[in-house]
Amino acid sequence: MCCSLQASAAAALSSLSPPICSAATRRRREGTGLLSFPTPHEHPVSSFFWISRMATLRNLKIKTSTCKRIVKELRSYEKEVEKEAAKTADMKEKGADPYDLKQQENVLAESRMMVPDCHKRLETALADLKATLAELKESNEQGAEIGEAESTITEVEAVVKPTED
């Protein structure tokens, strides 16, 4: 009696659990009209090409966004330096407490230290973006991402060049 109960329980469980296979394999077996993408085992060369192409375009987008973000940070730090310098000059003019003036000068010094750091990060990000763009151009890629990257490069070079002079 006990064995038949275990056998019926095992049969019930096996009917509930889905077979262990990928969704694409199930669709091929069932013959459904749903989209079925080839697995890497079926078309290793073509799937590798598409995966690497998507990864490279994605990397280009990421590097373009990184450059834009660092330019935005740089402009923000430059505005902060101007604001803190004006505040320090105003405090000196009004004859503020020496301790407060010293603290304000420390704030100004910290803000000024961030500008060269941003320039260094921007130059590194620009070099990465140019390398990725060159790699894509070698493979004759087309797309909006490439045009956006080129415009970002010209914008970043305009920001970086005046500081190098």
N, C-alpha and C. Protein backbone atom coordinates (compact mmCIF):
# COMPACT_ATOMS: atom_id res chain seq x y z
N MET A 1 0.83 -1.19 0.00
CA MET A 1 0.00 0.00 0.00
C MET A 1 0.87 1.25 0.00
N CYS A 2 1.88 1.21 0.81
CA CYS A 2 2.77 2.36 0.93
C CYS A 2 3.50 2.63 -0.38
N CYS A 3 3.93 1.59 -1.06
CA CYS A 3 4.66 1.74 -2.31
C CYS A 3 3.78 2.32 -3.41
N SER A 4 2.51 1.92 -3.44
CA SER A 4 1.62 2.45 -4.47
C SER A 4 1.33 3.93 -4.22
N LEU A 5 1.29 4.33 -2.96
CA LEU A 5 1.07 5.74 -2.62
C LEU A 5 2.27 6.58 -3.06
N GLN A 6 3.47 6.07 -2.84
CA GLN A 6 4.67 6.78 -3.27
C GLN A 6 4.74 6.87 -4.79
N ALA A 7 4.36 5.81 -5.47
CA ALA A 7 4.39 5.81 -6.93
C ALA A 7 3.39 6.80 -7.50
N SER A 8 2.20 6.87 -6.90
CA SER A 8 1.20 7.82 -7.41
C SER A 8 1.62 9.26 -7.10
N ALA A 9 2.27 9.48 -5.96
CA ALA A 9 2.76 10.82 -5.62
C ALA A 9 3.87 11.24 -6.58
N ALA A 10 4.76 10.31 -6.92
CA ALA A 10 5.84 10.61 -7.86
C ALA A 10 5.28 10.90 -9.24
N ALA A 11 4.26 10.17 -9.65
CA ALA A 11 3.64 10.41 -10.96
C ALA A 11 2.97 11.77 -10.99
N ALA A 12 2.32 12.14 -9.89
CA ALA A 12 1.66 13.45 -9.82
C ALA A 12 2.68 14.58 -9.87
N LEU A 13 3.78 14.42 -9.17
CA LEU A 13 4.82 15.45 -9.18
C LEU A 13 5.47 15.57 -10.54
N SER A 14 5.69 14.46 -11.21
CA SER A 14 6.34 14.53 -12.52
C SER A 14 5.44 15.20 -13.54
N SER A 15 4.14 15.07 -13.38
CA SER A 15 3.24 15.74 -14.32
C SER A 15 3.18 17.24 -14.06
N LEU A 16 3.46 17.67 -12.82
CA LEU A 16 3.43 19.09 -12.49
C LEU A 16 4.71 19.81 -12.87
N SER A 17 5.84 19.16 -12.76
CA SER A 17 7.11 19.83 -13.03
C SER A 17 7.36 19.91 -14.53
N PRO A 18 7.76 21.08 -15.02
CA PRO A 18 8.01 21.22 -16.45
C PRO A 18 9.30 20.52 -16.84
N PRO A 19 9.40 20.12 -18.08
CA PRO A 19 10.64 19.48 -18.51
C PRO A 19 11.79 20.49 -18.47
N ILE A 20 12.96 20.00 -18.20
CA ILE A 20 14.12 20.87 -18.09
C ILE A 20 14.72 21.06 -19.47
N CYS A 21 14.39 22.20 -20.10
CA CYS A 21 14.96 22.58 -21.38
C CYS A 21 14.69 24.06 -21.59
N SER A 22 15.36 24.64 -22.53
CA SER A 22 15.21 26.07 -22.76
C SER A 22 13.88 26.36 -23.43
N ALA A 23 13.47 27.61 -23.37
CA ALA A 23 12.21 28.03 -23.99
C ALA A 23 12.28 27.85 -25.51
N ALA A 24 13.44 28.13 -26.09
CA ALA A 24 13.59 27.96 -27.54
C ALA A 24 13.45 26.50 -27.93
N THR A 25 14.00 25.60 -27.12
CA THR A 25 13.89 24.18 -27.41
C THR A 25 12.43 23.73 -27.32
N ARG A 26 11.72 24.20 -26.30
CA ARG A 26 10.30 23.84 -26.17
C ARG A 26 9.50 24.35 -27.36
N ARG A 27 9.78 25.59 -27.81
CA ARG A 27 9.04 26.14 -28.96
C ARG A 27 9.33 25.34 -30.22
N ARG A 28 10.58 24.91 -30.39
CA ARG A 28 10.90 24.11 -31.57
C ARG A 28 10.17 22.77 -31.52
N ARG A 29 10.12 22.16 -30.34
CA ARG A 29 9.45 20.87 -30.20
C ARG A 29 7.95 21.01 -30.44
N GLU A 30 7.38 22.10 -29.90
CA GLU A 30 5.94 22.31 -30.01
C GLU A 30 5.55 22.85 -31.38
N GLY A 31 6.49 23.45 -32.08
CA GLY A 31 6.20 23.98 -33.40
C GLY A 31 5.36 25.25 -33.35
N THR A 32 5.47 26.02 -32.28
CA THR A 32 4.69 27.26 -32.18
C THR A 32 5.29 28.31 -33.07
N GLY A 33 4.52 29.31 -33.40
CA GLY A 33 4.96 30.38 -34.29
C GLY A 33 5.68 31.50 -33.57
N LEU A 34 5.99 31.32 -32.31
CA LEU A 34 6.67 32.37 -31.56
C LEU A 34 8.09 32.54 -32.07
N LEU A 35 8.63 33.72 -31.85
CA LEU A 35 10.01 33.98 -32.27
C LEU A 35 10.95 33.02 -31.58
N SER A 36 11.86 32.52 -32.31
CA SER A 36 12.84 31.61 -31.77
C SER A 36 14.22 32.07 -32.22
N PHE A 37 15.02 32.49 -31.30
CA PHE A 37 16.36 32.97 -31.62
C PHE A 37 17.33 31.80 -31.58
N PRO A 38 18.27 31.77 -32.50
CA PRO A 38 19.22 30.66 -32.50
C PRO A 38 20.12 30.72 -31.27
N THR A 39 20.41 29.57 -30.76
CA THR A 39 21.32 29.50 -29.62
C THR A 39 22.75 29.54 -30.14
N PRO A 40 23.72 29.86 -29.30
CA PRO A 40 25.11 29.90 -29.75
C PRO A 40 25.58 28.57 -30.32
N HIS A 41 24.96 27.46 -29.87
CA HIS A 41 25.38 26.15 -30.36
C HIS A 41 24.94 25.93 -31.81
N GLU A 42 23.83 26.57 -32.21
CA GLU A 42 23.33 26.39 -33.56
C GLU A 42 24.10 27.23 -34.56
N HIS A 43 24.36 28.49 -34.22
CA HIS A 43 25.06 29.41 -35.12
C HIS A 43 26.14 30.16 -34.34
N PRO A 44 27.25 29.52 -34.02
CA PRO A 44 28.24 30.16 -33.16
C PRO A 44 28.85 31.41 -33.77
N VAL A 45 29.08 31.46 -35.06
CA VAL A 45 29.75 32.61 -35.65
C VAL A 45 28.81 33.80 -35.72
N SER A 46 27.60 33.60 -36.22
CA SER A 46 26.68 34.72 -36.37
C SER A 46 26.24 35.27 -35.03
N SER A 47 25.98 34.41 -34.04
CA SER A 47 25.55 34.92 -32.75
C SER A 47 26.69 35.66 -32.07
N PHE A 48 27.92 35.19 -32.24
CA PHE A 48 29.05 35.91 -31.66
C PHE A 48 29.17 37.29 -32.29
N PHE A 49 28.97 37.37 -33.60
CA PHE A 49 29.05 38.65 -34.29
C PHE A 49 28.02 39.62 -33.75
N TRP A 50 26.77 39.19 -33.61
CA TRP A 50 25.72 40.09 -33.14
C TRP A 50 25.93 40.49 -31.69
N ILE A 51 26.37 39.55 -30.87
CA ILE A 51 26.62 39.87 -29.47
C ILE A 51 27.76 40.87 -29.36
N SER A 52 28.84 40.67 -30.12
CA SER A 52 29.97 41.60 -30.03
C SER A 52 29.59 42.96 -30.61
N ARG A 53 28.77 42.99 -31.67
CA ARG A 53 28.34 44.26 -32.26
C ARG A 53 27.49 45.04 -31.26
N MET A 54 26.54 44.34 -30.62
CA MET A 54 25.70 45.02 -29.64
C MET A 54 26.53 45.50 -28.47
N ALA A 55 27.49 44.69 -28.03
CA ALA A 55 28.34 45.08 -26.91
C ALA A 55 29.17 46.30 -27.27
N THR A 56 29.68 46.36 -28.49
CA THR A 56 30.50 47.49 -28.89
C THR A 56 29.66 48.76 -29.01
N LEU A 57 28.48 48.67 -29.60
CA LEU A 57 27.60 49.85 -29.66
C LEU A 57 27.18 50.28 -28.27
N ARG A 58 26.94 49.32 -27.41
CA ARG A 58 26.57 49.64 -26.02
C ARG A 58 27.74 50.32 -25.32
N ASN A 59 28.95 49.81 -25.53
CA ASN A 59 30.13 50.44 -24.93
C ASN A 59 30.30 51.86 -25.45
N LEU A 60 30.03 52.07 -26.73
CA LEU A 60 30.13 53.41 -27.30
C LEU A 60 29.14 54.35 -26.63
N LYS A 61 27.92 53.89 -26.42
CA LYS A 61 26.91 54.71 -25.74
C LYS A 61 27.36 55.03 -24.31
N ILE A 62 27.88 54.03 -23.62
CA ILE A 62 28.32 54.22 -22.24
C ILE A 62 29.47 55.23 -22.18
N LYS A 63 30.44 55.08 -23.06
CA LYS A 63 31.60 55.99 -23.05
C LYS A 63 31.19 57.40 -23.46
N THR A 64 30.23 57.53 -24.37
CA THR A 64 29.73 58.85 -24.75
C THR A 64 29.04 59.50 -23.56
N SER A 65 28.21 58.75 -22.86
CA SER A 65 27.52 59.28 -21.68
C SER A 65 28.51 59.65 -20.58
N THR A 66 29.56 58.86 -20.44
CA THR A 66 30.58 59.15 -19.43
C THR A 66 31.25 60.49 -19.72
N CYS A 67 31.61 60.72 -20.97
CA CYS A 67 32.23 62.00 -21.34
C CYS A 67 31.29 63.16 -21.06
N LYS A 68 30.03 63.01 -21.42
CA LYS A 68 29.05 64.08 -21.19
C LYS A 68 28.90 64.36 -19.70
N ARG A 69 28.86 63.30 -18.88
CA ARG A 69 28.71 63.48 -17.44
C ARG A 69 29.92 64.18 -16.85
N ILE A 70 31.12 63.82 -17.28
CA ILE A 70 32.32 64.45 -16.73
C ILE A 70 32.41 65.91 -17.14
N VAL A 71 31.99 66.24 -18.37
CA VAL A 71 31.96 67.65 -18.80
C VAL A 71 31.00 68.43 -17.90
N LYS A 72 29.86 67.82 -17.61
CA LYS A 72 28.88 68.47 -16.73
C LYS A 72 29.46 68.68 -15.33
N GLU A 73 30.15 67.66 -14.81
CA GLU A 73 30.80 67.79 -13.50
C GLU A 73 31.84 68.89 -13.51
N LEU A 74 32.65 68.95 -14.57
CA LEU A 74 33.70 69.95 -14.68
C LEU A 74 33.11 71.35 -14.65
N ARG A 75 32.07 71.57 -15.43
CA ARG A 75 31.42 72.89 -15.44
C ARG A 75 30.84 73.23 -14.07
N SER A 76 30.30 72.24 -13.40
CA SER A 76 29.75 72.45 -12.07
C SER A 76 30.85 72.85 -11.08
N TYR A 77 32.00 72.16 -11.13
CA TYR A 77 33.10 72.50 -10.24
C TYR A 77 33.66 73.89 -10.56
N GLU A 78 33.73 74.24 -11.84
CA GLU A 78 34.22 75.58 -12.20
C GLU A 78 33.29 76.66 -11.67
N LYS A 79 31.98 76.44 -11.76
CA LYS A 79 31.02 77.40 -11.19
C LYS A 79 31.16 77.48 -9.68
N GLU A 80 31.38 76.32 -9.05
CA GLU A 80 31.55 76.29 -7.60
C GLU A 80 32.80 77.06 -7.18
N VAL A 81 33.88 76.94 -7.94
CA VAL A 81 35.11 77.67 -7.62
C VAL A 81 34.85 79.17 -7.72
N GLU A 82 34.15 79.60 -8.77
CA GLU A 82 33.84 81.03 -8.91
C GLU A 82 33.00 81.52 -7.75
N LYS A 83 31.99 80.73 -7.37
CA LYS A 83 31.11 81.12 -6.27
C LYS A 83 31.87 81.21 -4.95
N GLU A 84 32.69 80.21 -4.68
CA GLU A 84 33.45 80.19 -3.42
C GLU A 84 34.52 81.29 -3.40
N ALA A 85 35.12 81.59 -4.55
CA ALA A 85 36.11 82.67 -4.61
C ALA A 85 35.44 84.01 -4.33
N ALA A 86 34.25 84.22 -4.88
CA ALA A 86 33.52 85.46 -4.62
C ALA A 86 33.14 85.55 -3.15
N LYS A 87 32.74 84.43 -2.57
CA LYS A 87 32.36 84.42 -1.16
C LYS A 87 33.58 84.71 -0.28
N THR A 88 34.73 84.15 -0.62
CA THR A 88 35.96 84.40 0.14
C THR A 88 36.37 85.86 0.04
N ALA A 89 36.31 86.42 -1.16
CA ALA A 89 36.67 87.83 -1.34
C ALA A 89 35.72 88.73 -0.56
N ASP A 90 34.44 88.38 -0.55
CA ASP A 90 33.46 89.16 0.20
C ASP A 90 33.73 89.09 1.69
N MET A 91 34.12 87.91 2.18
CA MET A 91 34.42 87.76 3.61
C MET A 91 35.66 88.57 3.98
N LYS A 92 36.67 88.59 3.10
CA LYS A 92 37.87 89.38 3.37
C LYS A 92 37.53 90.87 3.39
N GLU A 93 36.70 91.28 2.46
CA GLU A 93 36.31 92.68 2.35
C GLU A 93 35.55 93.15 3.59
N LYS A 94 34.70 92.29 4.12
CA LYS A 94 33.88 92.64 5.28
C LYS A 94 34.63 92.45 6.59
N GLY A 95 35.83 91.87 6.54
CA GLY A 95 36.61 91.66 7.76
C GLY A 95 36.01 90.58 8.64
N ALA A 96 35.72 89.44 8.07
CA ALA A 96 35.09 88.34 8.80
C ALA A 96 36.07 87.74 9.81
N ASP A 97 35.54 86.92 10.68
CA ASP A 97 36.32 86.24 11.70
C ASP A 97 37.43 85.42 11.02
N PRO A 98 38.68 85.49 11.54
CA PRO A 98 39.79 84.77 10.90
C PRO A 98 39.55 83.25 10.79
N TYR A 99 38.89 82.67 11.78
CA TYR A 99 38.61 81.23 11.72
C TYR A 99 37.66 80.92 10.57
N ASP A 100 36.58 81.71 10.46
CA ASP A 100 35.62 81.50 9.37
C ASP A 100 36.27 81.72 8.01
N LEU A 101 37.15 82.72 7.94
CA LEU A 101 37.84 83.01 6.68
C LEU A 101 38.76 81.84 6.30
N LYS A 102 39.44 81.28 7.29
CA LYS A 102 40.32 80.14 7.03
C LYS A 102 39.50 78.93 6.55
N GLN A 103 38.36 78.70 7.16
CA GLN A 103 37.50 77.60 6.74
C GLN A 103 37.01 77.80 5.31
N GLN A 104 36.65 79.04 4.98
CA GLN A 104 36.19 79.33 3.62
C GLN A 104 37.32 79.14 2.62
N GLU A 105 38.54 79.51 2.99
CA GLU A 105 39.68 79.30 2.09
C GLU A 105 39.94 77.81 1.88
N ASN A 106 39.71 76.99 2.92
CA ASN A 106 39.85 75.54 2.77
C ASN A 106 38.80 74.98 1.80
N VAL A 107 37.58 75.50 1.90
CA VAL A 107 36.51 75.07 0.99
C VAL A 107 36.89 75.43 -0.44
N LEU A 108 37.42 76.64 -0.63
CA LEU A 108 37.84 77.09 -1.96
C LEU A 108 38.98 76.22 -2.49
N ALA A 109 39.93 75.88 -1.63
CA ALA A 109 41.06 75.04 -2.06
C ALA A 109 40.58 73.64 -2.47
N GLU A 110 39.63 73.08 -1.74
CA GLU A 110 39.09 71.77 -2.10
C GLU A 110 38.36 71.82 -3.44
N SER A 111 37.63 72.89 -3.66
CA SER A 111 36.92 73.03 -4.94
C SER A 111 37.91 73.16 -6.09
N ARG A 112 38.98 73.90 -5.87
CA ARG A 112 39.99 74.07 -6.92
C ARG A 112 40.72 72.77 -7.22
N MET A 113 40.87 71.90 -6.21
CA MET A 113 41.55 70.62 -6.43
C MET A 113 40.72 69.69 -7.32
N MET A 114 39.42 69.86 -7.33
CA MET A 114 38.56 68.98 -8.11
C MET A 114 38.64 69.26 -9.61
N VAL A 115 38.98 70.48 -10.00
CA VAL A 115 39.02 70.84 -11.42
C VAL A 115 40.10 70.04 -12.17
N PRO A 116 41.36 70.00 -11.69
CA PRO A 116 42.36 69.19 -12.41
C PRO A 116 42.02 67.70 -12.42
N ASP A 117 41.41 67.21 -11.34
CA ASP A 117 41.01 65.81 -11.29
C ASP A 117 39.97 65.52 -12.38
N CYS A 118 39.02 66.43 -12.55
CA CYS A 118 38.00 66.26 -13.60
C CYS A 118 38.64 66.30 -14.98
N HIS A 119 39.60 67.20 -15.17
CA HIS A 119 40.28 67.27 -16.47
C HIS A 119 41.00 65.95 -16.78
N LYS A 120 41.64 65.40 -15.77
CA LYS A 120 42.36 64.14 -15.96
C LYS A 120 41.39 63.01 -16.32
N ARG A 121 40.27 62.92 -15.59
CA ARG A 121 39.27 61.89 -15.89
C ARG A 121 38.65 62.10 -17.26
N LEU A 122 38.46 63.37 -17.64
CA LEU A 122 37.87 63.68 -18.94
C LEU A 122 38.81 63.27 -20.07
N GLU A 123 40.09 63.52 -19.90
CA GLU A 123 41.06 63.13 -20.94
C GLU A 123 41.10 61.61 -21.09
N THR A 124 41.03 60.88 -19.98
CA THR A 124 41.01 59.42 -20.03
C THR A 124 39.74 58.92 -20.72
N ALA A 125 38.60 59.50 -20.35
CA ALA A 125 37.33 59.08 -20.96
C ALA A 125 37.30 59.41 -22.44
N LEU A 126 37.90 60.55 -22.82
CA LEU A 126 37.94 60.94 -24.23
C LEU A 126 38.79 59.95 -25.03
N ALA A 127 39.92 59.55 -24.47
CA ALA A 127 40.77 58.57 -25.16
C ALA A 127 40.04 57.24 -25.34
N ASP A 128 39.31 56.80 -24.31
CA ASP A 128 38.53 55.56 -24.41
C ASP A 128 37.45 55.67 -25.48
N LEU A 129 36.78 56.82 -25.51
CA LEU A 129 35.72 57.03 -26.50
C LEU A 129 36.28 57.02 -27.91
N LYS A 130 37.42 57.69 -28.10
CA LYS A 130 38.04 57.71 -29.44
C LYS A 130 38.45 56.31 -29.88
N ALA A 131 38.99 55.52 -28.95
CA ALA A 131 39.42 54.16 -29.30
C ALA A 131 38.22 53.29 -29.68
N THR A 132 37.14 53.39 -28.93
CA THR A 132 35.95 52.61 -29.24
C THR A 132 35.35 53.04 -30.57
N LEU A 133 35.33 54.34 -30.82
CA LEU A 133 34.79 54.86 -32.08
C LEU A 133 35.65 54.40 -33.26
N ALA A 134 36.96 54.42 -33.10
CA ALA A 134 37.85 53.95 -34.17
C ALA A 134 37.62 52.47 -34.46
N GLU A 135 37.42 51.69 -33.42
CA GLU A 135 37.15 50.26 -33.58
C GLU A 135 35.85 50.03 -34.37
N LEU A 136 34.84 50.83 -34.06
CA LEU A 136 33.57 50.70 -34.78
C LEU A 136 33.69 51.15 -36.23
N LYS A 137 34.46 52.21 -36.46
CA LYS A 137 34.62 52.70 -37.83
C LYS A 137 35.39 51.71 -38.68
N GLU A 138 36.33 50.99 -38.08
CA GLU A 138 37.08 49.96 -38.81
C GLU A 138 36.15 48.85 -39.30
N SER A 139 35.12 48.57 -38.51
CA SER A 139 34.18 47.51 -38.90
C SER A 139 33.02 48.07 -39.73
N ASN A 140 33.14 49.32 -40.20
CA ASN A 140 32.15 49.97 -41.06
C ASN A 140 30.75 49.99 -40.46
N GLU A 141 30.66 50.25 -39.17
CA GLU A 141 29.36 50.34 -38.51
C GLU A 141 28.69 51.67 -38.84
N GLN A 142 27.38 51.68 -38.81
CA GLN A 142 26.58 52.88 -39.03
C GLN A 142 25.62 53.02 -37.85
N GLY A 143 25.16 54.23 -37.61
CA GLY A 143 24.15 54.41 -36.58
C GLY A 143 24.21 55.77 -35.94
N ALA A 144 23.15 56.06 -35.22
CA ALA A 144 23.04 57.35 -34.54
C ALA A 144 24.07 57.47 -33.42
N GLU A 145 24.45 56.34 -32.83
CA GLU A 145 25.42 56.35 -31.74
C GLU A 145 26.76 56.92 -32.20
N ILE A 146 27.12 56.62 -33.43
CA ILE A 146 28.41 57.08 -33.96
C ILE A 146 28.40 58.60 -34.15
N GLY A 147 27.31 59.13 -34.69
CA GLY A 147 27.20 60.58 -34.86
C GLY A 147 27.19 61.31 -33.53
N GLU A 148 26.49 60.73 -32.56
CA GLU A 148 26.45 61.33 -31.22
C GLU A 148 27.83 61.30 -30.58
N ALA A 149 28.56 60.22 -30.77
CA ALA A 149 29.91 60.12 -30.21
C ALA A 149 30.84 61.14 -30.85
N GLU A 150 30.73 61.33 -32.16
CA GLU A 150 31.58 62.31 -32.85
C GLU A 150 31.29 63.73 -32.36
N SER A 151 30.01 64.06 -32.17
CA SER A 151 29.68 65.40 -31.68
C SER A 151 30.15 65.58 -30.24
N THR A 152 30.09 64.53 -29.45
CA THR A 152 30.58 64.60 -28.07
C THR A 152 32.09 64.79 -28.06
N ILE A 153 32.80 64.13 -28.97
CA ILE A 153 34.25 64.28 -29.04
C ILE A 153 34.62 65.72 -29.35
N THR A 154 33.94 66.35 -30.31
CA THR A 154 34.26 67.75 -30.64
C THR A 154 33.95 68.66 -29.46
N GLU A 155 32.86 68.38 -28.74
CA GLU A 155 32.51 69.19 -27.57
C GLU A 155 33.55 69.04 -26.47
N VAL A 156 33.98 67.81 -26.22
CA VAL A 156 34.96 67.55 -25.16
C VAL A 156 36.32 68.14 -25.54
N GLU A 157 36.71 68.03 -26.80
CA GLU A 157 37.99 68.61 -27.22
C GLU A 157 37.98 70.12 -27.06
N ALA A 158 36.84 70.76 -27.27
CA ALA A 158 36.74 72.21 -27.06
C ALA A 158 36.91 72.56 -25.59
N VAL A 159 36.47 71.68 -24.71
CA VAL A 159 36.62 71.93 -23.27
C VAL A 159 38.04 71.65 -22.82
N VAL A 160 38.66 70.61 -23.35
CA VAL A 160 39.99 70.19 -22.90
C VAL A 160 41.09 71.08 -23.47
N LYS A 161 41.00 71.49 -24.72
CA LYS A 161 42.08 72.26 -25.38
C LYS A 161 42.42 73.58 -24.70
N PRO A 162 41.44 74.41 -24.29
CA PRO A 162 41.82 75.69 -23.68
C PRO A 162 42.66 75.55 -22.42
N THR A 163 42.50 74.45 -21.69
CA THR A 163 43.28 74.27 -20.47
C THR A 163 44.69 73.79 -20.76
N GLU A 164 44.92 73.18 -21.93
CA GLU A 164 46.25 72.69 -22.27
C GLU A 164 47.18 73.82 -22.69
N ASP A 165 46.63 74.94 -23.18
CA ASP A 165 47.46 76.05 -23.66
C ASP A 165 48.22 76.75 -22.56
